[in-house]
Amino acid sequence: SMLMAKTVLFVGMSMTDPNIIRLLKKAR
């Protein structure tokens, strides 16, 4: 819900976490 409603700044992440990737794809 945060990814769908807000703009998020990811700091300190490699952006390879499969769970975050899955959520970002779901939002899209």
mmCIF file of all heavy atoms, coordinates in Angstrom:
data_MODEL
# 
_entry.id   MODEL 
# 
loop_
_atom_site.group_PDB 
_atom_site.id 
_atom_site.type_symbol 
_atom_site.label_atom_id 
_atom_site.label_alt_id 
_atom_site.label_comp_id 
_atom_site.label_asym_id 
_atom_site.label_entity_id 
_atom_site.label_seq_id 
_atom_site.pdbx_PDB_ins_code 
_atom_site.Cartn_x 
_atom_site.Cartn_y 
_atom_site.Cartn_z 
_atom_site.occupancy 
_atom_site.B_iso_or_equiv 
_atom_site.pdbx_formal_charge 
_atom_site.auth_seq_id 
_atom_site.auth_comp_id 
_atom_site.auth_asym_id 
_atom_site.auth_atom_id 
_atom_site.pdbx_PDB_model_num 
ATOM 1   N N   . SER A 1 1  ? 0.825  -1.209  0.000   1.00 0.00 ? 1  SER A N   1 
ATOM 2   C CA  . SER A 1 1  ? 0.000  0.000   0.000   1.00 0.00 ? 1  SER A CA  1 
ATOM 3   C C   . SER A 1 1  ? 0.862  1.263   0.000   1.00 0.00 ? 1  SER A C   1 
ATOM 4   O O   . SER A 1 1  ? 0.507  2.253   -0.636  1.00 0.00 ? 1  SER A O   1 
ATOM 5   C CB  . SER A 1 1  ? -0.977 -0.001  1.183   1.00 0.00 ? 1  SER A CB  1 
ATOM 6   O OG  . SER A 1 1  ? -0.293 0.091   2.401   1.00 0.00 ? 1  SER A OG  1 
ATOM 7   N N   . MET A 1 2  ? 2.004  1.232   0.686   1.00 0.00 ? 2  MET A N   1 
ATOM 8   C CA  . MET A 1 2  ? 2.913  2.383   0.667   1.00 0.00 ? 2  MET A CA  1 
ATOM 9   C C   . MET A 1 2  ? 3.498  2.577   -0.728  1.00 0.00 ? 2  MET A C   1 
ATOM 10  O O   . MET A 1 2  ? 3.610  3.710   -1.204  1.00 0.00 ? 2  MET A O   1 
ATOM 11  C CB  . MET A 1 2  ? 4.031  2.210   1.688   1.00 0.00 ? 2  MET A CB  1 
ATOM 12  C CG  . MET A 1 2  ? 3.576  2.264   3.125   1.00 0.00 ? 2  MET A CG  1 
ATOM 13  S SD  . MET A 1 2  ? 2.812  3.834   3.569   1.00 0.00 ? 2  MET A SD  1 
ATOM 14  C CE  . MET A 1 2  ? 4.237  4.883   3.608   1.00 0.00 ? 2  MET A CE  1 
ATOM 15  N N   . LEU A 1 3  ? 3.893  1.504   -1.382  1.00 0.00 ? 3  LEU A N   1 
ATOM 16  C CA  . LEU A 1 3  ? 4.449  1.600   -2.731  1.00 0.00 ? 3  LEU A CA  1 
ATOM 17  C C   . LEU A 1 3  ? 3.415  2.105   -3.728  1.00 0.00 ? 3  LEU A C   1 
ATOM 18  O O   . LEU A 1 3  ? 3.763  2.733   -4.726  1.00 0.00 ? 3  LEU A O   1 
ATOM 19  C CB  . LEU A 1 3  ? 4.996  0.251   -3.189  1.00 0.00 ? 3  LEU A CB  1 
ATOM 20  C CG  . LEU A 1 3  ? 6.252  -0.236  -2.474  1.00 0.00 ? 3  LEU A CG  1 
ATOM 21  C CD1 . LEU A 1 3  ? 6.553  -1.681  -2.850  1.00 0.00 ? 3  LEU A CD1 1 
ATOM 22  C CD2 . LEU A 1 3  ? 7.437  0.659   -2.783  1.00 0.00 ? 3  LEU A CD2 1 
ATOM 23  N N   . MET A 1 4  ? 2.148  1.843   -3.442  1.00 0.00 ? 4  MET A N   1 
ATOM 24  C CA  . MET A 1 4  ? 1.093  2.269   -4.348  1.00 0.00 ? 4  MET A CA  1 
ATOM 25  C C   . MET A 1 4  ? 0.648  3.702   -4.089  1.00 0.00 ? 4  MET A C   1 
ATOM 26  O O   . MET A 1 4  ? 0.181  4.375   -5.006  1.00 0.00 ? 4  MET A O   1 
ATOM 27  C CB  . MET A 1 4  ? -0.089 1.308   -4.251  1.00 0.00 ? 4  MET A CB  1 
ATOM 28  C CG  . MET A 1 4  ? 0.259  -0.076  -4.763  1.00 0.00 ? 4  MET A CG  1 
ATOM 29  S SD  . MET A 1 4  ? -1.061 -1.271  -4.557  1.00 0.00 ? 4  MET A SD  1 
ATOM 30  C CE  . MET A 1 4  ? -2.154 -0.786  -5.876  1.00 0.00 ? 4  MET A CE  1 
ATOM 31  N N   . ALA A 1 5  ? 0.811  4.188   -2.860  1.00 0.00 ? 5  ALA A N   1 
ATOM 32  C CA  . ALA A 1 5  ? 0.282  5.501   -2.505  1.00 0.00 ? 5  ALA A CA  1 
ATOM 33  C C   . ALA A 1 5  ? 1.337  6.589   -2.361  1.00 0.00 ? 5  ALA A C   1 
ATOM 34  O O   . ALA A 1 5  ? 1.020  7.775   -2.456  1.00 0.00 ? 5  ALA A O   1 
ATOM 35  C CB  . ALA A 1 5  ? -0.512 5.395   -1.198  1.00 0.00 ? 5  ALA A CB  1 
ATOM 36  N N   . LYS A 1 6  ? 2.570  6.217   -2.143  1.00 0.00 ? 6  LYS A N   1 
ATOM 37  C CA  . LYS A 1 6  ? 3.622  7.189   -1.841  1.00 0.00 ? 6  LYS A CA  1 
ATOM 38  C C   . LYS A 1 6  ? 4.791  7.030   -2.810  1.00 0.00 ? 6  LYS A C   1 
ATOM 39  O O   . LYS A 1 6  ? 4.907  6.034   -3.502  1.00 0.00 ? 6  LYS A O   1 
ATOM 40  C CB  . LYS A 1 6  ? 4.159  6.986   -0.410  1.00 0.00 ? 6  LYS A CB  1 
ATOM 41  C CG  . LYS A 1 6  ? 3.120  7.040   0.680   1.00 0.00 ? 6  LYS A CG  1 
ATOM 42  C CD  . LYS A 1 6  ? 2.649  8.437   0.881   1.00 0.00 ? 6  LYS A CD  1 
ATOM 43  C CE  . LYS A 1 6  ? 1.645  8.476   2.039   1.00 0.00 ? 6  LYS A CE  1 
ATOM 44  N NZ  . LYS A 1 6  ? 1.104  9.776   2.246   1.00 0.00 ? 6  LYS A NZ  1 
ATOM 45  N N   . THR A 1 7  ? 5.663  8.026   -2.799  1.00 0.00 ? 7  THR A N   1 
ATOM 46  C CA  . THR A 1 7  ? 6.943  7.923   -3.489  1.00 0.00 ? 7  THR A CA  1 
ATOM 47  C C   . THR A 1 7  ? 7.968  7.499   -2.455  1.00 0.00 ? 7  THR A C   1 
ATOM 48  O O   . THR A 1 7  ? 8.075  8.117   -1.401  1.00 0.00 ? 7  THR A O   1 
ATOM 49  C CB  . THR A 1 7  ? 7.347  9.265   -4.114  1.00 0.00 ? 7  THR A CB  1 
ATOM 50  O OG1 . THR A 1 7  ? 6.361  9.622   -5.083  1.00 0.00 ? 7  THR A OG1 1 
ATOM 51  C CG2 . THR A 1 7  ? 8.703  9.185   -4.781  1.00 0.00 ? 7  THR A CG2 1 
ATOM 52  N N   . VAL A 1 8  ? 8.726  6.454   -2.754  1.00 0.00 ? 8  VAL A N   1 
ATOM 53  C CA  . VAL A 1 8  ? 9.659  5.879   -1.798  1.00 0.00 ? 8  VAL A CA  1 
ATOM 54  C C   . VAL A 1 8  ? 11.091 6.128   -2.267  1.00 0.00 ? 8  VAL A C   1 
ATOM 55  O O   . VAL A 1 8  ? 11.397 6.007   -3.447  1.00 0.00 ? 8  VAL A O   1 
ATOM 56  C CB  . VAL A 1 8  ? 9.415  4.353   -1.648  1.00 0.00 ? 8  VAL A CB  1 
ATOM 57  C CG1 . VAL A 1 8  ? 10.436 3.712   -0.732  1.00 0.00 ? 8  VAL A CG1 1 
ATOM 58  C CG2 . VAL A 1 8  ? 7.999  4.100   -1.152  1.00 0.00 ? 8  VAL A CG2 1 
ATOM 59  N N   . LEU A 1 9  ? 11.950 6.469   -1.310  1.00 0.00 ? 9  LEU A N   1 
ATOM 60  C CA  . LEU A 1 9  ? 13.380 6.596   -1.566  1.00 0.00 ? 9  LEU A CA  1 
ATOM 61  C C   . LEU A 1 9  ? 14.063 5.421   -0.878  1.00 0.00 ? 9  LEU A C   1 
ATOM 62  O O   . LEU A 1 9  ? 14.019 5.305   0.347   1.00 0.00 ? 9  LEU A O   1 
ATOM 63  C CB  . LEU A 1 9  ? 13.921 7.919   -1.022  1.00 0.00 ? 9  LEU A CB  1 
ATOM 64  C CG  . LEU A 1 9  ? 15.446 8.100   -1.074  1.00 0.00 ? 9  LEU A CG  1 
ATOM 65  C CD1 . LEU A 1 9  ? 15.945 8.074   -2.515  1.00 0.00 ? 9  LEU A CD1 1 
ATOM 66  C CD2 . LEU A 1 9  ? 15.836 9.401   -0.377  1.00 0.00 ? 9  LEU A CD2 1 
ATOM 67  N N   . PHE A 1 10 ? 14.676 4.551   -1.662  1.00 0.00 ? 10 PHE A N   1 
ATOM 68  C CA  . PHE A 1 10 ? 15.401 3.401   -1.129  1.00 0.00 ? 10 PHE A CA  1 
ATOM 69  C C   . PHE A 1 10 ? 16.857 3.818   -0.901  1.00 0.00 ? 10 PHE A C   1 
ATOM 70  O O   . PHE A 1 10 ? 17.532 4.246   -1.833  1.00 0.00 ? 10 PHE A O   1 
ATOM 71  C CB  . PHE A 1 10 ? 15.353 2.220   -2.100  1.00 0.00 ? 10 PHE A CB  1 
ATOM 72  C CG  . PHE A 1 10 ? 13.972 1.661   -2.308  1.00 0.00 ? 10 PHE A CG  1 
ATOM 73  C CD1 . PHE A 1 10 ? 13.193 2.064   -3.379  1.00 0.00 ? 10 PHE A CD1 1 
ATOM 74  C CD2 . PHE A 1 10 ? 13.457 0.719   -1.435  1.00 0.00 ? 10 PHE A CD2 1 
ATOM 75  C CE1 . PHE A 1 10 ? 11.925 1.536   -3.581  1.00 0.00 ? 10 PHE A CE1 1 
ATOM 76  C CE2 . PHE A 1 10 ? 12.190 0.181   -1.618  1.00 0.00 ? 10 PHE A CE2 1 
ATOM 77  C CZ  . PHE A 1 10 ? 11.421 0.604   -2.698  1.00 0.00 ? 10 PHE A CZ  1 
ATOM 78  N N   . VAL A 1 11 ? 17.308 3.685   0.334   1.00 0.00 ? 11 VAL A N   1 
ATOM 79  C CA  . VAL A 1 11 ? 18.682 4.043   0.690   1.00 0.00 ? 11 VAL A CA  1 
ATOM 80  C C   . VAL A 1 11 ? 19.313 2.826   1.358   1.00 0.00 ? 11 VAL A C   1 
ATOM 81  O O   . VAL A 1 11 ? 18.730 2.236   2.268   1.00 0.00 ? 11 VAL A O   1 
ATOM 82  C CB  . VAL A 1 11 ? 18.718 5.244   1.656   1.00 0.00 ? 11 VAL A CB  1 
ATOM 83  C CG1 . VAL A 1 11 ? 20.148 5.596   2.025   1.00 0.00 ? 11 VAL A CG1 1 
ATOM 84  C CG2 . VAL A 1 11 ? 18.007 6.441   1.060   1.00 0.00 ? 11 VAL A CG2 1 
ATOM 85  N N   . GLY A 1 12 ? 20.502 2.461   0.907   1.00 0.00 ? 12 GLY A N   1 
ATOM 86  C CA  . GLY A 1 12 ? 21.218 1.351   1.526   1.00 0.00 ? 12 GLY A CA  1 
ATOM 87  C C   . GLY A 1 12 ? 20.736 -0.015  1.102   1.00 0.00 ? 12 GLY A C   1 
ATOM 88  O O   . GLY A 1 12 ? 20.981 -1.005  1.790   1.00 0.00 ? 12 GLY A O   1 
ATOM 89  N N   . MET A 1 13 ? 20.059 -0.076  -0.027  1.00 0.00 ? 13 MET A N   1 
ATOM 90  C CA  . MET A 1 13 ? 19.562 -1.364  -0.526  1.00 0.00 ? 13 MET A CA  1 
ATOM 91  C C   . MET A 1 13 ? 20.198 -1.658  -1.871  1.00 0.00 ? 13 MET A C   1 
ATOM 92  O O   . MET A 1 13 ? 20.422 -0.755  -2.674  1.00 0.00 ? 13 MET A O   1 
ATOM 93  C CB  . MET A 1 13 ? 18.043 -1.331  -0.678  1.00 0.00 ? 13 MET A CB  1 
ATOM 94  C CG  . MET A 1 13 ? 17.301 -1.175  0.632   1.00 0.00 ? 13 MET A CG  1 
ATOM 95  S SD  . MET A 1 13 ? 15.520 -1.264  0.412   1.00 0.00 ? 13 MET A SD  1 
ATOM 96  C CE  . MET A 1 13 ? 15.311 -2.951  -0.118  1.00 0.00 ? 13 MET A CE  1 
ATOM 97  N N   . SER A 1 14 ? 20.461 -2.918  -2.120  1.00 0.00 ? 14 SER A N   1 
ATOM 98  C CA  . SER A 1 14 ? 21.020 -3.309  -3.417  1.00 0.00 ? 14 SER A CA  1 
ATOM 99  C C   . SER A 1 14 ? 19.936 -3.408  -4.489  1.00 0.00 ? 14 SER A C   1 
ATOM 100 O O   . SER A 1 14 ? 20.234 -3.553  -5.662  1.00 0.00 ? 14 SER A O   1 
ATOM 101 C CB  . SER A 1 14 ? 21.737 -4.646  -3.289  1.00 0.00 ? 14 SER A CB  1 
ATOM 102 O OG  . SER A 1 14 ? 20.799 -5.663  -2.972  1.00 0.00 ? 14 SER A OG  1 
ATOM 103 N N   . MET A 1 15 ? 18.687 -3.366  -4.055  1.00 0.00 ? 15 MET A N   1 
ATOM 104 C CA  . MET A 1 15 ? 17.527 -3.513  -4.936  1.00 0.00 ? 15 MET A CA  1 
ATOM 105 C C   . MET A 1 15 ? 17.506 -4.875  -5.626  1.00 0.00 ? 15 MET A C   1 
ATOM 106 O O   . MET A 1 15 ? 17.068 -5.008  -6.757  1.00 0.00 ? 15 MET A O   1 
ATOM 107 C CB  . MET A 1 15 ? 17.460 -2.379  -5.964  1.00 0.00 ? 15 MET A CB  1 
ATOM 108 C CG  . MET A 1 15 ? 17.294 -0.999  -5.345  1.00 0.00 ? 15 MET A CG  1 
ATOM 109 S SD  . MET A 1 15 ? 15.881 -0.838  -4.235  1.00 0.00 ? 15 MET A SD  1 
ATOM 110 C CE  . MET A 1 15 ? 14.511 -1.008  -5.362  1.00 0.00 ? 15 MET A CE  1 
ATOM 111 N N   . THR A 1 16 ? 17.977 -5.883  -4.899  1.00 0.00 ? 16 THR A N   1 
ATOM 112 C CA  . THR A 1 16 ? 17.920 -7.249  -5.417  1.00 0.00 ? 16 THR A CA  1 
ATOM 113 C C   . THR A 1 16 ? 17.049 -8.151  -4.545  1.00 0.00 ? 16 THR A C   1 
ATOM 114 O O   . THR A 1 16 ? 16.912 -9.338  -4.846  1.00 0.00 ? 16 THR A O   1 
ATOM 115 C CB  . THR A 1 16 ? 19.335 -7.862  -5.520  1.00 0.00 ? 16 THR A CB  1 
ATOM 116 O OG1 . THR A 1 16 ? 19.956 -7.829  -4.240  1.00 0.00 ? 16 THR A OG1 1 
ATOM 117 C CG2 . THR A 1 16 ? 20.185 -7.105  -6.534  1.00 0.00 ? 16 THR A CG2 1 
ATOM 118 N N   . ASP A 1 17 ? 16.470 -7.610  -3.484  1.00 0.00 ? 17 ASP A N   1 
ATOM 119 C CA  . ASP A 1 17 ? 15.609 -8.400  -2.606  1.00 0.00 ? 17 ASP A CA  1 
ATOM 120 C C   . ASP A 1 17 ? 14.379 -8.849  -3.403  1.00 0.00 ? 17 ASP A C   1 
ATOM 121 O O   . ASP A 1 17 ? 13.611 -8.017  -3.883  1.00 0.00 ? 17 ASP A O   1 
ATOM 122 C CB  . ASP A 1 17 ? 15.182 -7.555  -1.404  1.00 0.00 ? 17 ASP A CB  1 
ATOM 123 C CG  . ASP A 1 17 ? 14.295 -8.309  -0.434  1.00 0.00 ? 17 ASP A CG  1 
ATOM 124 O OD1 . ASP A 1 17 ? 13.451 -9.126  -0.868  1.00 0.00 ? 17 ASP A OD1 1 
ATOM 125 O OD2 . ASP A 1 17 ? 14.430 -8.075  0.775   1.00 0.00 ? 17 ASP A OD2 1 
ATOM 126 N N   . PRO A 1 18 ? 14.184 -10.151 -3.553  1.00 0.00 ? 18 PRO A N   1 
ATOM 127 C CA  . PRO A 1 18 ? 13.067 -10.632 -4.373  1.00 0.00 ? 18 PRO A CA  1 
ATOM 128 C C   . PRO A 1 18 ? 11.700 -10.196 -3.849  1.00 0.00 ? 18 PRO A C   1 
ATOM 129 O O   . PRO A 1 18 ? 10.766 -10.023 -4.636  1.00 0.00 ? 18 PRO A O   1 
ATOM 130 C CB  . PRO A 1 18 ? 13.218 -12.146 -4.354  1.00 0.00 ? 18 PRO A CB  1 
ATOM 131 C CG  . PRO A 1 18 ? 14.202 -12.473 -3.290  1.00 0.00 ? 18 PRO A CG  1 
ATOM 132 C CD  . PRO A 1 18 ? 14.984 -11.244 -3.003  1.00 0.00 ? 18 PRO A CD  1 
ATOM 133 N N   . ASN A 1 19 ? 11.564 -10.006 -2.549  1.00 0.00 ? 19 ASN A N   1 
ATOM 134 C CA  . ASN A 1 19 ? 10.275 -9.582  -2.002  1.00 0.00 ? 19 ASN A CA  1 
ATOM 135 C C   . ASN A 1 19 ? 9.947  -8.144  -2.393  1.00 0.00 ? 19 ASN A C   1 
ATOM 136 O O   . ASN A 1 19 ? 8.809  -7.844  -2.768  1.00 0.00 ? 19 ASN A O   1 
ATOM 137 C CB  . ASN A 1 19 ? 10.271 -9.726  -0.478  1.00 0.00 ? 19 ASN A CB  1 
ATOM 138 C CG  . ASN A 1 19 ? 10.343 -11.175 -0.064  1.00 0.00 ? 19 ASN A CG  1 
ATOM 139 O OD1 . ASN A 1 19 ? 9.653  -12.019 -0.612  1.00 0.00 ? 19 ASN A OD1 1 
ATOM 140 N ND2 . ASN A 1 19 ? 11.205 -11.478 0.885   1.00 0.00 ? 19 ASN A ND2 1 
ATOM 141 N N   . ILE A 1 20 ? 10.917 -7.251  -2.324  1.00 0.00 ? 20 ILE A N   1 
ATOM 142 C CA  . ILE A 1 20 ? 10.696 -5.860  -2.727  1.00 0.00 ? 20 ILE A CA  1 
ATOM 143 C C   . ILE A 1 20 ? 10.429 -5.791  -4.230  1.00 0.00 ? 20 ILE A C   1 
ATOM 144 O O   . ILE A 1 20 ? 9.524  -5.079  -4.675  1.00 0.00 ? 20 ILE A O   1 
ATOM 145 C CB  . ILE A 1 20 ? 11.908 -4.976  -2.347  1.00 0.00 ? 20 ILE A CB  1 
ATOM 146 C CG1 . ILE A 1 20 ? 12.025 -4.854  -0.832  1.00 0.00 ? 20 ILE A CG1 1 
ATOM 147 C CG2 . ILE A 1 20 ? 11.807 -3.605  -3.005  1.00 0.00 ? 20 ILE A CG2 1 
ATOM 148 C CD1 . ILE A 1 20 ? 10.886 -4.115  -0.161  1.00 0.00 ? 20 ILE A CD1 1 
ATOM 149 N N   . ILE A 1 21 ? 11.193 -6.545  -4.995  1.00 0.00 ? 21 ILE A N   1 
ATOM 150 C CA  . ILE A 1 21 ? 11.001 -6.572  -6.456  1.00 0.00 ? 21 ILE A CA  1 
ATOM 151 C C   . ILE A 1 21 ? 9.590  -7.047  -6.788  1.00 0.00 ? 21 ILE A C   1 
ATOM 152 O O   . ILE A 1 21 ? 8.907  -6.463  -7.622  1.00 0.00 ? 21 ILE A O   1 
ATOM 153 C CB  . ILE A 1 21 ? 12.053 -7.477  -7.140  1.00 0.00 ? 21 ILE A CB  1 
ATOM 154 C CG1 . ILE A 1 21 ? 13.467 -6.991  -6.844  1.00 0.00 ? 21 ILE A CG1 1 
ATOM 155 C CG2 . ILE A 1 21 ? 11.790 -7.583  -8.640  1.00 0.00 ? 21 ILE A CG2 1 
ATOM 156 C CD1 . ILE A 1 21 ? 13.783 -5.588  -7.253  1.00 0.00 ? 21 ILE A CD1 1 
ATOM 157 N N   . ARG A 1 22 ? 9.145  -8.093  -6.097  1.00 0.00 ? 22 ARG A N   1 
ATOM 158 C CA  . ARG A 1 22 ? 7.789  -8.626  -6.330  1.00 0.00 ? 22 ARG A CA  1 
ATOM 159 C C   . ARG A 1 22 ? 6.737  -7.576  -6.017  1.00 0.00 ? 22 ARG A C   1 
ATOM 160 O O   . ARG A 1 22 ? 5.786  -7.369  -6.781  1.00 0.00 ? 22 ARG A O   1 
ATOM 161 C CB  . ARG A 1 22 ? 7.567  -9.875  -5.465  1.00 0.00 ? 22 ARG A CB  1 
ATOM 162 C CG  . ARG A 1 22 ? 6.206  -10.523 -5.630  1.00 0.00 ? 22 ARG A CG  1 
ATOM 163 C CD  . ARG A 1 22 ? 6.068  -11.763 -4.741  1.00 0.00 ? 22 ARG A CD  1 
ATOM 164 N NE  . ARG A 1 22 ? 6.450  -11.548 -3.359  1.00 0.00 ? 22 ARG A NE  1 
ATOM 165 C CZ  . ARG A 1 22 ? 5.671  -10.966 -2.432  1.00 0.00 ? 22 ARG A CZ  1 
ATOM 166 N NH1 . ARG A 1 22 ? 4.471  -10.536 -2.757  1.00 0.00 ? 22 ARG A NH1 1 
ATOM 167 N NH2 . ARG A 1 22 ? 6.083  -10.823 -1.193  1.00 0.00 ? 22 ARG A NH2 1 
ATOM 168 N N   . LEU A 1 23 ? 6.896  -6.851  -4.903  1.00 0.00 ? 23 LEU A N   1 
ATOM 169 C CA  . LEU A 1 23 ? 5.937  -5.813  -4.529  1.00 0.00 ? 23 LEU A CA  1 
ATOM 170 C C   . LEU A 1 23 ? 5.932  -4.660  -5.529  1.00 0.00 ? 23 LEU A C   1 
ATOM 171 O O   . LEU A 1 23 ? 4.867  -4.131  -5.880  1.00 0.00 ? 23 LEU A O   1 
ATOM 172 C CB  . LEU A 1 23 ? 6.240  -5.298  -3.119  1.00 0.00 ? 23 LEU A CB  1 
ATOM 173 C CG  . LEU A 1 23 ? 5.993  -6.285  -1.987  1.00 0.00 ? 23 LEU A CG  1 
ATOM 174 C CD1 . LEU A 1 23 ? 6.507  -5.716  -0.669  1.00 0.00 ? 23 LEU A CD1 1 
ATOM 175 C CD2 . LEU A 1 23 ? 4.516  -6.635  -1.886  1.00 0.00 ? 23 LEU A CD2 1 
ATOM 176 N N   . LEU A 1 24 ? 7.109  -4.259  -5.979  1.00 0.00 ? 24 LEU A N   1 
ATOM 177 C CA  . LEU A 1 24 ? 7.183  -3.196  -6.984  1.00 0.00 ? 24 LEU A CA  1 
ATOM 178 C C   . LEU A 1 24 ? 6.498  -3.614  -8.279  1.00 0.00 ? 24 LEU A C   1 
ATOM 179 O O   . LEU A 1 24 ? 5.775  -2.818  -8.903  1.00 0.00 ? 24 LEU A O   1 
ATOM 180 C CB  . LEU A 1 24 ? 8.638  -2.816  -7.240  1.00 0.00 ? 24 LEU A CB  1 
ATOM 181 C CG  . LEU A 1 24 ? 9.317  -2.018  -6.127  1.00 0.00 ? 24 LEU A CG  1 
ATOM 182 C CD1 . LEU A 1 24 ? 10.834 -2.061  -6.280  1.00 0.00 ? 24 LEU A CD1 1 
ATOM 183 C CD2 . LEU A 1 24 ? 8.809  -0.583  -6.116  1.00 0.00 ? 24 LEU A CD2 1 
ATOM 184 N N   . LYS A 1 25 ? 6.685  -4.857  -8.681  1.00 0.00 ? 25 LYS A N   1 
ATOM 185 C CA  . LYS A 1 25 ? 6.033  -5.369  -9.891  1.00 0.00 ? 25 LYS A CA  1 
ATOM 186 C C   . LYS A 1 25 ? 4.515  -5.414  -9.709  1.00 0.00 ? 25 LYS A C   1 
ATOM 187 O O   . LYS A 1 25 ? 3.757  -5.063  -10.616 1.00 0.00 ? 25 LYS A O   1 
ATOM 188 C CB  . LYS A 1 25 ? 6.563  -6.754  -10.251 1.00 0.00 ? 25 LYS A CB  1 
ATOM 189 C CG  . LYS A 1 25 ? 7.953  -6.728  -10.840 1.00 0.00 ? 25 LYS A CG  1 
ATOM 190 C CD  . LYS A 1 25 ? 8.442  -8.129  -11.165 1.00 0.00 ? 25 LYS A CD  1 
ATOM 191 C CE  . LYS A 1 25 ? 9.824  -8.094  -11.779 1.00 0.00 ? 25 LYS A CE  1 
ATOM 192 N NZ  . LYS A 1 25 ? 10.329 -9.445  -12.088 1.00 0.00 ? 25 LYS A NZ  1 
ATOM 193 N N   . LYS A 1 26 ? 4.063  -5.854  -8.525  1.00 0.00 ? 26 LYS A N   1 
ATOM 194 C CA  . LYS A 1 26 ? 2.620  -5.895  -8.241  1.00 0.00 ? 26 LYS A CA  1 
ATOM 195 C C   . LYS A 1 26 ? 2.004  -4.509  -8.333  1.00 0.00 ? 26 LYS A C   1 
ATOM 196 O O   . LYS A 1 26 ? 0.915  -4.331  -8.881  1.00 0.00 ? 26 LYS A O   1 
ATOM 197 C CB  . LYS A 1 26 ? 2.358  -6.475  -6.842  1.00 0.00 ? 26 LYS A CB  1 
ATOM 198 C CG  . LYS A 1 26 ? 2.539  -7.949  -6.747  1.00 0.00 ? 26 LYS A CG  1 
ATOM 199 C CD  . LYS A 1 26 ? 1.289  -8.638  -7.170  1.00 0.00 ? 26 LYS A CD  1 
ATOM 200 C CE  . LYS A 1 26 ? 1.437  -10.116 -6.860  1.00 0.00 ? 26 LYS A CE  1 
ATOM 201 N NZ  . LYS A 1 26 ? 0.635  -10.910 -7.753  1.00 0.00 ? 26 LYS A NZ  1 
ATOM 202 N N   . ALA A 1 27 ? 2.691  -3.511  -7.785  1.00 0.00 ? 27 ALA A N   1 
ATOM 203 C CA  . ALA A 1 27 ? 2.188  -2.136  -7.838  1.00 0.00 ? 27 ALA A CA  1 
ATOM 204 C C   . ALA A 1 27 ? 2.065  -1.676  -9.288  1.00 0.00 ? 27 ALA A C   1 
ATOM 205 O O   . ALA A 1 27 ? 1.070  -1.049  -9.671  1.00 0.00 ? 27 ALA A O   1 
ATOM 206 C CB  . ALA A 1 27 ? 3.105  -1.206  -7.046  1.00 0.00 ? 27 ALA A CB  1 
ATOM 207 N N   . ARG A 1 28 ? 3.053  -2.002  -10.116 1.00 0.00 ? 28 ARG A N   1 
ATOM 208 C CA  . ARG A 1 28 ? 3.006  -1.634  -11.534 1.00 0.00 ? 28 ARG A CA  1 
ATOM 209 C C   . ARG A 1 28 ? 1.862  -2.348  -12.240 1.00 0.00 ? 28 ARG A C   1 
ATOM 210 O O   . ARG A 1 28 ? 1.145  -1.750  -13.046 1.00 0.00 ? 28 ARG A O   1 
ATOM 211 C CB  . ARG A 1 28 ? 4.327  -1.980  -12.224 1.00 0.00 ? 28 ARG A CB  1 
ATOM 212 C CG  . ARG A 1 28 ? 5.394  -0.937  -12.079 1.00 0.00 ? 28 ARG A CG  1 
ATOM 213 C CD  . ARG A 1 28 ? 4.920  0.326   -12.727 1.00 0.00 ? 28 ARG A CD  1 
ATOM 214 N NE  . ARG A 1 28 ? 5.994  1.240   -12.973 1.00 0.00 ? 28 ARG A NE  1 
ATOM 215 C CZ  . ARG A 1 28 ? 5.921  2.536   -12.739 1.00 0.00 ? 28 ARG A CZ  1 
ATOM 216 N NH1 . ARG A 1 28 ? 4.846  3.064   -12.243 1.00 0.00 ? 28 ARG A NH1 1 
ATOM 217 N NH2 . ARG A 1 28 ? 6.918  3.325   -13.013 1.00 0.00 ? 28 ARG A NH2 1 
# 
